[in-house]
Amino acid sequence: MRFIAATLTLCSIFLAFAPVPVVAASPFAQNQKLSGHRPAPIPAEARKVRRPYAGGLNPSRPLRTPDTPAPQPNCAAVCVIDPYNGNVLYGFNANTRRQVASTQKIITALCVCDTKDLDKMVTIKASDRLAPPIRLNLRAGEQYSRRDLLQAMLTGSFNDVAVSLARDCAGSVDAFVDRMNARARRMRMYNTHFENPNGLPAQQYSTAYDMALAACYAYNNRTIRSMINIPAYEFRRNNGQVRMIRSTNRLLTSHPWVQGMKTGYTNLAGKCLISCASANGRAVIVVVLGSTSRKIWGESLKYLRWALDAA
């Protein structure tokens, strides 16, 4: 008995002074395994995304874990995330770096909103027009509010409008891109680097998971959330002409429970779509990258439906 007691005493002393391994909490679950359909634990930092909902925005509660496995992907990358708490329900190649085309205009929109002066008038310059192929074709010298230009950019995905906003908000496009990268770091988008505000091909990249993080912040932004949900927008030119800008997101008009977000396409990126939808007080964001014109809508819908099935 004395031998056993002495042994236990020595063990307790050893454990008391043994070094405790330090496990670094992955910010916002950045390094979690994304295979399978079970959600990963939520680090304390992730709960920061919840705070804006105190103002009355939906959702009011987190998603339940679906009982069925996630659908098989038919694209390059997928991430399904709960905007209430940042919980990842499913990922496929979600941490693989790739170009994301115009979906990165979400970060452009967030940086414009950071100025907190959306009623400021923007004077269009000739250099803004050098952003093909999708342009609103505004003329040099015309003036529009940041708010109107932001709505036009999010609805019609105009590349020249993104350049106009970037130049106006930061003094130059390069300075604005610096803001985009700084904001990406603040949002814990650690596998992301931007070179322009519109997503045209360049030495830039992001991931499905990083774009899902950005989408959570955009979803929590009252201004952006109200703009991404508009199927069509009447844009009035300085000369009085009105152009009806229709959303590039087909799901907005075909499925009322879908709340929009952002489309994107280049040859390098393929078809990309960030979608958000809600039901019964719960919401989901789905990022699909590297799909095709024929598959992108159905690919997004199947993950939206899967995640909300238990809502």
C-alpha atoms as a PDB file:
ATOM      1  CA  MET A   1       0.000   0.000   0.000  1.00  0.00           C
ATOM      2  CA  ARG A   2       2.870   2.344   0.879  1.00  0.00           C
ATOM      3  CA  PHE A   3       4.484   1.618  -2.498  1.00  0.00           C
ATOM      4  CA  ILE A   4       1.249   2.415  -4.355  1.00  0.00           C
ATOM      5  CA  ALA A   5       0.731   5.620  -2.396  1.00  0.00           C
ATOM      6  CA  ALA A   6       4.297   6.731  -3.079  1.00  0.00           C
ATOM      7  CA  THR A   7       3.887   5.984  -6.771  1.00  0.00           C
ATOM      8  CA  LEU A   8       0.667   8.004  -6.971  1.00  0.00           C
ATOM      9  CA  THR A   9       2.333  10.903  -5.183  1.00  0.00           C
ATOM     10  CA  LEU A  10       5.243  10.918  -7.654  1.00  0.00           C
ATOM     11  CA  CYS A  11       2.832  10.795 -10.611  1.00  0.00           C
ATOM     12  CA  SER A  12       0.824  13.732  -9.265  1.00  0.00           C
ATOM     13  CA  ILE A  13       4.010  15.786  -8.814  1.00  0.00           C
ATOM     14  CA  PHE A  14       5.145  14.962 -12.354  1.00  0.00           C
ATOM     15  CA  LEU A  15       1.790  15.949 -13.847  1.00  0.00           C
ATOM     16  CA  ALA A  16       1.696  19.184 -11.893  1.00  0.00           C
ATOM     17  CA  PHE A  17       4.994  20.352 -13.376  1.00  0.00           C
ATOM     18  CA  ALA A  18       4.796  18.733 -16.802  1.00  0.00           C
ATOM     19  CA  PRO A  19       4.449  21.242 -19.662  1.00  0.00           C
ATOM     20  CA  VAL A  20       0.901  21.579 -20.937  1.00  0.00           C
ATOM     21  CA  PRO A  21       0.692  21.363 -24.737  1.00  0.00           C
ATOM     22  CA  VAL A  22      -0.674  24.568 -26.254  1.00  0.00           C
ATOM     23  CA  VAL A  23      -3.307  24.009 -28.915  1.00  0.00           C
ATOM     24  CA  ALA A  24      -3.763  27.056 -31.089  1.00  0.00           C
ATOM     25  CA  ALA A  25      -7.412  27.723 -31.772  1.00  0.00           C
ATOM     26  CA  SER A  26      -7.867  28.114 -35.506  1.00  0.00           C
ATOM     27  CA  PRO A  27      -9.490  31.534 -35.995  1.00  0.00           C
ATOM     28  CA  PHE A  28     -12.985  31.071 -37.334  1.00  0.00           C
ATOM     29  CA  ALA A  29     -12.272  27.378 -37.908  1.00  0.00           C
ATOM     30  CA  GLN A  30      -9.862  28.250 -40.730  1.00  0.00           C
ATOM     31  CA  ASN A  31      -7.855  25.021 -40.583  1.00  0.00           C
ATOM     32  CA  GLN A  32     -10.604  22.589 -39.775  1.00  0.00           C
ATOM     33  CA  LYS A  33     -11.138  19.486 -41.847  1.00  0.00           C
ATOM     34  CA  LEU A  34     -13.964  20.257 -44.221  1.00  0.00           C
ATOM     35  CA  SER A  35     -14.770  16.770 -45.472  1.00  0.00           C
ATOM     36  CA  GLY A  36     -18.004  15.170 -44.364  1.00  0.00           C
ATOM     37  CA  HIS A  37     -21.174  16.890 -43.302  1.00  0.00           C
ATOM     38  CA  ARG A  38     -20.774  17.297 -39.541  1.00  0.00           C
ATOM     39  CA  PRO A  39     -20.165  20.850 -38.315  1.00  0.00           C
ATOM     40  CA  ALA A  40     -16.888  21.621 -36.578  1.00  0.00           C
ATOM     41  CA  PRO A  41     -16.636  23.268 -33.141  1.00  0.00           C
ATOM     42  CA  ILE A  42     -16.959  27.048 -33.170  1.00  0.00           C
ATOM     43  CA  PRO A  43     -13.971  28.994 -31.776  1.00  0.00           C
ATOM     44  CA  ALA A  44     -14.781  31.961 -29.553  1.00  0.00           C
ATOM     45  CA  GLU A  45     -13.584  34.355 -32.276  1.00  0.00           C
ATOM     46  CA  ALA A  46     -16.274  33.127 -34.629  1.00  0.00           C
ATOM     47  CA  ARG A  47     -19.051  34.446 -32.428  1.00  0.00           C
ATOM     48  CA  LYS A  48     -18.092  37.962 -33.396  1.00  0.00           C
ATOM     49  CA  VAL A  49     -20.258  37.525 -36.483  1.00  0.00           C
ATOM     50  CA  ARG A  50     -23.337  37.188 -34.269  1.00  0.00           C
ATOM     51  CA  ARG A  51     -23.305  40.699 -32.875  1.00  0.00           C
ATOM     52  CA  PRO A  52     -25.061  42.539 -35.716  1.00  0.00           C
ATOM     53  CA  TYR A  53     -28.143  40.385 -35.240  1.00  0.00           C
ATOM     54  CA  ALA A  54     -28.891  42.239 -32.024  1.00  0.00           C
ATOM     55  CA  GLY A  55     -30.358  44.880 -34.336  1.00  0.00           C
ATOM     56  CA  GLY A  56     -33.150  42.555 -35.401  1.00  0.00           C
ATOM     57  CA  LEU A  57     -31.703  40.917 -38.497  1.00  0.00           C
ATOM     58  CA  ASN A  58     -32.550  37.303 -39.223  1.00  0.00           C
ATOM     59  CA  PRO A  59     -31.614  34.511 -38.655  1.00  0.00           C
ATOM     60  CA  SER A  60     -32.569  34.214 -35.012  1.00  0.00           C
ATOM     61  CA  ARG A  61     -31.038  30.800 -34.356  1.00  0.00           C
ATOM     62  CA  PRO A  62     -28.364  28.465 -35.770  1.00  0.00           C
ATOM     63  CA  LEU A  63     -28.924  25.761 -38.332  1.00  0.00           C
ATOM     64  CA  ARG A  64     -29.449  22.180 -37.274  1.00  0.00           C
ATOM     65  CA  THR A  65     -27.071  19.551 -38.581  1.00  0.00           C
ATOM     66  CA  PRO A  66     -28.756  17.834 -41.546  1.00  0.00           C
ATOM     67  CA  ASP A  67     -29.580  14.174 -40.976  1.00  0.00           C
ATOM     68  CA  THR A  68     -28.533  13.215 -44.493  1.00  0.00           C
ATOM     69  CA  PRO A  69     -25.008  13.385 -45.957  1.00  0.00           C
ATOM     70  CA  ALA A  70     -24.201  16.403 -48.120  1.00  0.00           C
ATOM     71  CA  PRO A  71     -24.815  16.024 -51.863  1.00  0.00           C
ATOM     72  CA  GLN A  72     -21.891  15.046 -54.068  1.00  0.00           C
ATOM     73  CA  PRO A  73     -20.242  18.101 -55.661  1.00  0.00           C
ATOM     74  CA  ASN A  74     -20.060  18.700 -59.406  1.00  0.00           C
ATOM     75  CA  CYS A  75     -17.755  21.688 -59.293  1.00  0.00           C
ATOM     76  CA  ALA A  76     -14.238  22.674 -58.240  1.00  0.00           C
ATOM     77  CA  ALA A  77     -15.003  23.823 -54.676  1.00  0.00           C
ATOM     78  CA  VAL A  78     -17.909  24.212 -52.239  1.00  0.00           C
ATOM     79  CA  CYS A  79     -18.409  25.666 -48.780  1.00  0.00           C
ATOM     80  CA  VAL A  80     -21.702  25.647 -46.858  1.00  0.00           C
ATOM     81  CA  ILE A  81     -21.723  27.941 -43.822  1.00  0.00           C
ATOM     82  CA  ASP A  82     -24.203  29.175 -41.210  1.00  0.00           C
ATOM     83  CA  PRO A  83     -24.100  33.016 -41.118  1.00  0.00           C
ATOM     84  CA  TYR A  84     -25.522  32.996 -37.588  1.00  0.00           C
ATOM     85  CA  ASN A  85     -22.327  31.622 -36.059  1.00  0.00           C
ATOM     86  CA  GLY A  86     -19.861  30.826 -38.847  1.00  0.00           C
ATOM     87  CA  ASN A  87     -20.313  27.074 -38.461  1.00  0.00           C
ATOM     88  CA  VAL A  88     -19.208  25.101 -41.529  1.00  0.00           C
ATOM     89  CA  LEU A  89     -21.659  22.353 -42.449  1.00  0.00           C
ATOM     90  CA  TYR A  90     -19.834  21.060 -45.504  1.00  0.00           C
ATOM     91  CA  GLY A  91     -16.792  21.760 -47.613  1.00  0.00           C
ATOM     92  CA  PHE A  92     -15.180  20.342 -50.725  1.00  0.00           C
ATOM     93  CA  ASN A  93     -11.755  21.696 -51.723  1.00  0.00           C
ATOM     94  CA  ALA A  94     -12.826  24.622 -49.548  1.00  0.00           C
ATOM     95  CA  ASN A  95      -9.273  25.720 -48.713  1.00  0.00           C
ATOM     96  CA  THR A  96      -7.932  25.407 -52.264  1.00  0.00           C
ATOM     97  CA  ARG A  97      -6.760  28.711 -53.703  1.00  0.00           C
ATOM     98  CA  ARG A  98      -8.348  29.732 -56.996  1.00  0.00           C
ATOM     99  CA  GLN A  99      -9.702  32.782 -58.767  1.00  0.00           C
ATOM    100  CA  VAL A 100     -13.222  33.743 -57.739  1.00  0.00           C
ATOM    101  CA  ALA A 101     -14.165  36.261 -60.450  1.00  0.00           C
ATOM    102  CA  SER A 102     -16.833  38.857 -59.614  1.00  0.00           C
ATOM    103  CA  THR A 103     -17.828  37.224 -56.342  1.00  0.00           C
ATOM    104  CA  GLN A 104     -14.977  39.280 -54.848  1.00  0.00           C
ATOM    105  CA  LYS A 105     -17.112  42.378 -55.448  1.00  0.00           C
ATOM    106  CA  ILE A 106     -18.601  41.442 -52.068  1.00  0.00           C
ATOM    107  CA  ILE A 107     -15.346  42.602 -50.470  1.00  0.00           C
ATOM    108  CA  THR A 108     -15.420  45.690 -52.695  1.00  0.00           C
ATOM    109  CA  ALA A 109     -18.914  46.430 -51.362  1.00  0.00           C
ATOM    110  CA  LEU A 110     -17.815  45.953 -47.752  1.00  0.00           C
ATOM    111  CA  CYS A 111     -14.914  48.379 -48.247  1.00  0.00           C
ATOM    112  CA  VAL A 112     -17.234  50.954 -49.829  1.00  0.00           C
ATOM    113  CA  CYS A 113     -19.603  50.633 -46.878  1.00  0.00           C
ATOM    114  CA  ASP A 114     -16.647  51.112 -44.529  1.00  0.00           C
ATOM    115  CA  THR A 115     -16.434  54.724 -45.724  1.00  0.00           C
ATOM    116  CA  LYS A 116     -19.802  55.388 -44.016  1.00  0.00           C
ATOM    117  CA  ASP A 117     -20.578  58.040 -46.630  1.00  0.00           C
ATOM    118  CA  LEU A 118     -22.732  56.380 -49.265  1.00  0.00           C
ATOM    119  CA  ASP A 119     -24.430  59.626 -50.271  1.00  0.00           C
ATOM    120  CA  LYS A 120     -21.185  61.215 -51.470  1.00  0.00           C
ATOM    121  CA  MET A 121     -21.235  61.984 -55.202  1.00  0.00           C
ATOM    122  CA  VAL A 122     -18.727  60.213 -57.429  1.00  0.00           C
ATOM    123  CA  THR A 123     -17.426  61.923 -60.569  1.00  0.00           C
ATOM    124  CA  ILE A 124     -16.792  59.387 -63.322  1.00  0.00           C
ATOM    125  CA  LYS A 125     -13.391  59.523 -65.056  1.00  0.00           C
ATOM    126  CA  ALA A 126     -12.447  58.242 -68.504  1.00  0.00           C
ATOM    127  CA  SER A 127      -9.988  55.765 -66.938  1.00  0.00           C
ATOM    128  CA  ASP A 128     -12.861  54.066 -65.086  1.00  0.00           C
ATOM    129  CA  ARG A 129     -14.225  52.794 -68.381  1.00  0.00           C
ATOM    130  CA  LEU A 130     -11.188  50.552 -69.034  1.00  0.00           C
ATOM    131  CA  ALA A 131     -12.726  47.485 -67.399  1.00  0.00           C
ATOM    132  CA  PRO A 132     -14.329  45.212 -70.001  1.00  0.00           C
ATOM    133  CA  PRO A 133     -16.351  43.224 -70.759  1.00  0.00           C
ATOM    134  CA  ILE A 134     -19.346  43.971 -68.489  1.00  0.00           C
ATOM    135  CA  ARG A 135     -19.724  47.742 -68.182  1.00  0.00           C
ATOM    136  CA  LEU A 136     -22.448  50.230 -67.409  1.00  0.00           C
ATOM    137  CA  ASN A 137     -20.699  52.579 -69.853  1.00  0.00           C
ATOM    138  CA  LEU A 138     -20.915  55.710 -67.754  1.00  0.00           C
ATOM    139  CA  ARG A 139     -19.419  58.836 -69.289  1.00  0.00           C
ATOM    140  CA  ALA A 140     -16.565  60.909 -67.939  1.00  0.00           C
ATOM    141  CA  GLY A 141     -17.864  63.857 -65.935  1.00  0.00           C
ATOM    142  CA  GLU A 142     -21.159  62.229 -64.913  1.00  0.00           C
ATOM    143  CA  GLN A 143     -21.915  62.176 -61.213  1.00  0.00           C
ATOM    144  CA  TYR A 144     -23.700  59.523 -59.165  1.00  0.00           C
ATOM    145  CA  SER A 145     -23.914  58.729 -55.482  1.00  0.00           C
ATOM    146  CA  ARG A 146     -21.856  55.904 -54.048  1.00  0.00           C
ATOM    147  CA  ARG A 147     -25.117  54.279 -52.986  1.00  0.00           C
ATOM    148  CA  ASP A 148     -26.521  54.199 -56.548  1.00  0.00           C
ATOM    149  CA  LEU A 149     -23.238  52.910 -57.954  1.00  0.00           C
ATOM    150  CA  LEU A 150     -22.988  50.249 -55.262  1.00  0.00           C
ATOM    151  CA  GLN A 151     -26.497  49.017 -56.049  1.00  0.00           C
ATOM    152  CA  ALA A 152     -25.680  48.941 -59.775  1.00  0.00           C
ATOM    153  CA  MET A 153     -22.473  46.997 -59.144  1.00  0.00           C
ATOM    154  CA  LEU A 154     -24.102  44.365 -56.928  1.00  0.00           C
ATOM    155  CA  THR A 155     -27.113  43.938 -59.208  1.00  0.00           C
ATOM    156  CA  GLY A 156     -25.491  44.047 -62.647  1.00  0.00           C
ATOM    157  CA  SER A 157     -21.880  43.188 -61.719  1.00  0.00           C
ATOM    158  CA  PHE A 158     -20.455  46.089 -63.738  1.00  0.00           C
ATOM    159  CA  ASN A 159     -16.656  46.156 -63.759  1.00  0.00           C
ATOM    160  CA  ASP A 160     -16.344  49.849 -64.590  1.00  0.00           C
ATOM    161  CA  VAL A 161     -18.587  50.780 -61.661  1.00  0.00           C
ATOM    162  CA  ALA A 162     -16.341  48.799 -59.306  1.00  0.00           C
ATOM    163  CA  VAL A 163     -13.341  50.768 -60.576  1.00  0.00           C
ATOM    164  CA  SER A 164     -15.169  54.103 -60.136  1.00  0.00           C
ATOM    165  CA  LEU A 165     -16.085  53.265 -56.552  1.00  0.00           C
ATOM    166  CA  ALA A 166     -12.586  52.039 -55.730  1.00  0.00           C
ATOM    167  CA  ARG A 167     -10.861  55.126 -57.118  1.00  0.00           C
ATOM    168  CA  ASP A 168     -13.298  57.482 -55.403  1.00  0.00           C
ATOM    169  CA  CYS A 169     -13.237  55.800 -51.990  1.00  0.00           C
ATOM    170  CA  ALA A 170      -9.466  55.435 -51.650  1.00  0.00           C
ATOM    171  CA  GLY A 171      -8.020  58.018 -54.045  1.00  0.00           C
ATOM    172  CA  SER A 172      -6.691  55.333 -56.393  1.00  0.00           C
ATOM    173  CA  VAL A 173      -7.545  51.776 -57.365  1.00  0.00           C
ATOM    174  CA  ASP A 174      -4.251  50.486 -55.923  1.00  0.00           C
ATOM    175  CA  ALA A 175      -4.957  52.113 -52.564  1.00  0.00           C
ATOM    176  CA  PHE A 176      -8.442  50.596 -52.546  1.00  0.00           C
ATOM    177  CA  VAL A 177      -7.026  47.134 -53.290  1.00  0.00           C
ATOM    178  CA  ASP A 178      -4.796  47.579 -50.245  1.00  0.00           C
ATOM    179  CA  ARG A 179      -7.957  48.218 -48.237  1.00  0.00           C
ATOM    180  CA  MET A 180      -9.533  45.065 -49.666  1.00  0.00           C
ATOM    181  CA  ASN A 181      -6.566  42.941 -48.611  1.00  0.00           C
ATOM    182  CA  ALA A 182      -6.475  44.555 -45.171  1.00  0.00           C
ATOM    183  CA  ARG A 183     -10.174  43.867 -44.685  1.00  0.00           C
ATOM    184  CA  ALA A 184      -9.718  40.297 -45.882  1.00  0.00           C
ATOM    185  CA  ARG A 185      -7.106  39.792 -43.155  1.00  0.00           C
ATOM    186  CA  ARG A 186      -9.457  41.273 -40.549  1.00  0.00           C
ATOM    187  CA  MET A 187     -12.123  38.802 -41.668  1.00  0.00           C
ATOM    188  CA  ARG A 188      -9.579  35.953 -41.246  1.00  0.00           C
ATOM    189  CA  MET A 189      -9.419  35.266 -44.975  1.00  0.00           C
ATOM    190  CA  TYR A 190      -5.879  33.918 -44.701  1.00  0.00           C
ATOM    191  CA  ASN A 191      -5.808  32.266 -48.146  1.00  0.00           C
ATOM    192  CA  THR A 192      -6.827  35.371 -50.075  1.00  0.00           C
ATOM    193  CA  HIS A 193      -5.052  38.074 -52.069  1.00  0.00           C
ATOM    194  CA  PHE A 194      -6.676  40.658 -54.352  1.00  0.00           C
ATOM    195  CA  GLU A 195      -5.244  42.708 -57.220  1.00  0.00           C
ATOM    196  CA  ASN A 196      -8.357  44.561 -58.425  1.00  0.00           C
ATOM    197  CA  PRO A 197     -11.852  45.493 -57.203  1.00  0.00           C
ATOM    198  CA  ASN A 198     -13.848  43.666 -59.898  1.00  0.00           C
ATOM    199  CA  GLY A 199     -12.492  40.119 -60.159  1.00  0.00           C
ATOM    200  CA  LEU A 200     -11.067  40.337 -63.676  1.00  0.00           C
ATOM    201  CA  PRO A 201      -8.161  37.892 -64.239  1.00  0.00           C
ATOM    202  CA  ALA A 202      -4.985  38.884 -62.365  1.00  0.00           C
ATOM    203  CA  GLN A 203      -2.473  37.398 -59.923  1.00  0.00           C
ATOM    204  CA  GLN A 204      -5.127  37.064 -57.235  1.00  0.00           C
ATOM    205  CA  TYR A 205      -6.916  34.244 -55.469  1.00  0.00           C
ATOM    206  CA  SER A 206      -9.225  33.211 -52.673  1.00  0.00           C
ATOM    207  CA  THR A 207     -10.943  30.031 -51.515  1.00  0.00           C
ATOM    208  CA  ALA A 208     -14.500  28.820 -51.086  1.00  0.00           C
ATOM    209  CA  TYR A 209     -14.079  28.996 -47.305  1.00  0.00           C
ATOM    210  CA  ASP A 210     -12.599  32.505 -47.326  1.00  0.00           C
ATOM    211  CA  MET A 211     -15.373  33.770 -49.581  1.00  0.00           C
ATOM    212  CA  ALA A 212     -17.899  32.151 -47.237  1.00  0.00           C
ATOM    213  CA  LEU A 213     -16.425  34.198 -44.396  1.00  0.00           C
ATOM    214  CA  ALA A 214     -16.736  37.391 -46.440  1.00  0.00           C
ATOM    215  CA  ALA A 215     -20.303  36.445 -47.326  1.00  0.00           C
ATOM    216  CA  CYS A 216     -21.146  36.130 -43.613  1.00  0.00           C
ATOM    217  CA  TYR A 217     -20.039  39.700 -43.025  1.00  0.00           C
ATOM    218  CA  ALA A 218     -21.869  40.918 -46.119  1.00  0.00           C
ATOM    219  CA  TYR A 219     -25.007  39.111 -44.961  1.00  0.00           C
ATOM    220  CA  ASN A 220     -24.742  40.932 -41.646  1.00  0.00           C
ATOM    221  CA  ASN A 221     -24.392  44.329 -43.339  1.00  0.00           C
ATOM    222  CA  ARG A 222     -27.804  46.009 -43.602  1.00  0.00           C
ATOM    223  CA  THR A 223     -26.938  48.001 -46.713  1.00  0.00           C
ATOM    224  CA  ILE A 224     -25.441  45.131 -48.687  1.00  0.00           C
ATOM    225  CA  ARG A 225     -28.109  42.690 -47.608  1.00  0.00           C
ATOM    226  CA  SER A 226     -30.860  44.994 -48.852  1.00  0.00           C
ATOM    227  CA  MET A 227     -29.091  45.434 -52.203  1.00  0.00           C
ATOM    228  CA  ILE A 228     -28.340  41.801 -53.017  1.00  0.00           C
ATOM    229  CA  ASN A 229     -32.013  40.939 -52.641  1.00  0.00           C
ATOM    230  CA  ILE A 230     -33.241  43.131 -55.529  1.00  0.00           C
ATOM    231  CA  PRO A 231     -34.069  41.250 -58.780  1.00  0.00           C
ATOM    232  CA  ALA A 232     -34.041  44.456 -60.861  1.00  0.00           C
ATOM    233  CA  TYR A 233     -33.007  48.068 -60.347  1.00  0.00           C
ATOM    234  CA  GLU A 234     -33.885  51.258 -62.244  1.00  0.00           C
ATOM    235  CA  PHE A 235     -30.682  53.238 -62.732  1.00  0.00           C
ATOM    236  CA  ARG A 236     -31.234  56.850 -63.776  1.00  0.00           C
ATOM    237  CA  ARG A 237     -28.507  58.437 -65.902  1.00  0.00           C
ATOM    238  CA  ASN A 238     -27.590  62.128 -65.648  1.00  0.00           C
ATOM    239  CA  ASN A 239     -29.362  62.793 -68.944  1.00  0.00           C
ATOM    240  CA  GLY A 240     -32.636  61.451 -67.527  1.00  0.00           C
ATOM    241  CA  GLN A 241     -32.540  58.093 -69.297  1.00  0.00           C
ATOM    242  CA  VAL A 242     -33.461  55.104 -67.146  1.00  0.00           C
ATOM    243  CA  ARG A 243     -31.802  51.730 -67.545  1.00  0.00           C
ATOM    244  CA  MET A 244     -33.384  48.662 -66.023  1.00  0.00           C
ATOM    245  CA  ILE A 245     -30.567  46.612 -64.490  1.00  0.00           C
ATOM    246  CA  ARG A 246     -31.565  43.010 -63.922  1.00  0.00           C
ATOM    247  CA  SER A 247     -29.792  40.869 -61.353  1.00  0.00           C
ATOM    248  CA  THR A 248     -27.267  38.390 -62.685  1.00  0.00           C
ATOM    249  CA  ASN A 249     -28.537  35.944 -60.044  1.00  0.00           C
ATOM    250  CA  ARG A 250     -31.319  33.844 -61.606  1.00  0.00           C
ATOM    251  CA  LEU A 251     -32.210  32.215 -58.289  1.00  0.00           C
ATOM    252  CA  LEU A 252     -33.663  35.492 -57.028  1.00  0.00           C
ATOM    253  CA  THR A 253     -36.563  35.404 -59.458  1.00  0.00           C
ATOM    254  CA  SER A 254     -37.136  31.649 -59.526  1.00  0.00           C
ATOM    255  CA  HIS A 255     -36.992  30.899 -55.778  1.00  0.00           C
ATOM    256  CA  PRO A 256     -38.485  33.457 -53.370  1.00  0.00           C
ATOM    257  CA  TRP A 257     -36.726  31.931 -50.330  1.00  0.00           C
ATOM    258  CA  VAL A 258     -33.333  32.692 -51.910  1.00  0.00           C
ATOM    259  CA  GLN A 259     -32.086  36.109 -50.802  1.00  0.00           C
ATOM    260  CA  GLY A 260     -29.356  36.617 -53.394  1.00  0.00           C
ATOM    261  CA  MET A 261     -25.664  37.371 -52.981  1.00  0.00           C
ATOM    262  CA  LYS A 262     -23.190  37.474 -55.913  1.00  0.00           C
ATOM    263  CA  THR A 263     -22.374  35.796 -59.216  1.00  0.00           C
ATOM    264  CA  GLY A 264     -19.039  35.607 -61.028  1.00  0.00           C
ATOM    265  CA  TYR A 265     -17.453  34.273 -64.189  1.00  0.00           C
ATOM    266  CA  THR A 266     -14.144  34.308 -66.024  1.00  0.00           C
ATOM    267  CA  ASN A 267     -12.480  31.621 -68.115  1.00  0.00           C
ATOM    268  CA  LEU A 268      -9.965  31.025 -65.322  1.00  0.00           C
ATOM    269  CA  ALA A 269     -12.488  30.973 -62.478  1.00  0.00           C
ATOM    270  CA  GLY A 270     -15.360  29.220 -64.222  1.00  0.00           C
ATOM    271  CA  LYS A 271     -18.911  29.898 -63.096  1.00  0.00           C
ATOM    272  CA  CYS A 272     -19.046  31.019 -59.467  1.00  0.00           C
ATOM    273  CA  LEU A 273     -22.000  31.781 -57.220  1.00  0.00           C
ATOM    274  CA  ILE A 274     -22.406  32.821 -53.603  1.00  0.00           C
ATOM    275  CA  SER A 275     -26.000  32.250 -52.496  1.00  0.00           C
ATOM    276  CA  CYS A 276     -27.901  32.891 -49.297  1.00  0.00           C
ATOM    277  CA  ALA A 277     -31.322  31.665 -48.263  1.00  0.00           C
ATOM    278  CA  SER A 278     -33.418  31.360 -45.113  1.00  0.00           C
ATOM    279  CA  ALA A 279     -36.344  29.452 -43.650  1.00  0.00           C
ATOM    280  CA  ASN A 280     -37.982  29.335 -40.211  1.00  0.00           C
ATOM    281  CA  GLY A 281     -35.530  31.704 -38.556  1.00  0.00           C
ATOM    282  CA  ARG A 282     -32.443  29.957 -39.887  1.00  0.00           C
ATOM    283  CA  ALA A 283     -30.155  30.909 -42.778  1.00  0.00           C
ATOM    284  CA  VAL A 284     -27.412  29.412 -44.904  1.00  0.00           C
ATOM    285  CA  ILE A 285     -24.736  30.662 -47.281  1.00  0.00           C
ATOM    286  CA  VAL A 286     -23.416  28.452 -50.071  1.00  0.00           C
ATOM    287  CA  VAL A 287     -20.263  29.187 -52.074  1.00  0.00           C
ATOM    288  CA  VAL A 288     -19.812  27.274 -55.336  1.00  0.00           C
ATOM    289  CA  LEU A 289     -16.663  27.875 -57.380  1.00  0.00           C
ATOM    290  CA  GLY A 290     -15.497  26.488 -60.698  1.00  0.00           C
ATOM    291  CA  SER A 291     -18.811  25.267 -62.071  1.00  0.00           C
ATOM    292  CA  THR A 292     -20.347  25.595 -65.545  1.00  0.00           C
ATOM    293  CA  SER A 293     -23.189  27.665 -66.981  1.00  0.00           C
ATOM    294  CA  ARG A 294     -25.408  24.602 -67.141  1.00  0.00           C
ATOM    295  CA  LYS A 295     -24.734  23.360 -63.601  1.00  0.00           C
ATOM    296  CA  ILE A 296     -24.149  26.409 -61.407  1.00  0.00           C
ATOM    297  CA  TRP A 297     -27.782  27.128 -60.470  1.00  0.00           C
ATOM    298  CA  GLY A 298     -28.704  23.552 -59.642  1.00  0.00           C
ATOM    299  CA  GLU A 299     -25.420  23.036 -57.819  1.00  0.00           C
ATOM    300  CA  SER A 300     -26.145  25.940 -55.492  1.00  0.00           C
ATOM    301  CA  LEU A 301     -29.789  24.991 -54.996  1.00  0.00           C
ATOM    302  CA  LYS A 302     -29.044  21.443 -53.897  1.00  0.00           C
ATOM    303  CA  TYR A 303     -26.783  22.663 -51.079  1.00  0.00           C
ATOM    304  CA  LEU A 304     -29.201  25.403 -50.039  1.00  0.00           C
ATOM    305  CA  ARG A 305     -32.009  22.858 -49.808  1.00  0.00           C
ATOM    306  CA  TRP A 306     -29.815  20.306 -48.019  1.00  0.00           C
ATOM    307  CA  ALA A 307     -28.762  22.784 -45.339  1.00  0.00           C
ATOM    308  CA  LEU A 308     -32.273  24.176 -44.790  1.00  0.00           C
ATOM    309  CA  ASP A 309     -34.029  20.808 -44.874  1.00  0.00           C
ATOM    310  CA  ALA A 310     -34.005  20.601 -41.065  1.00  0.00           C
ATOM    311  CA  ALA A 311     -34.751  24.307 -40.547  1.00  0.00           C
END
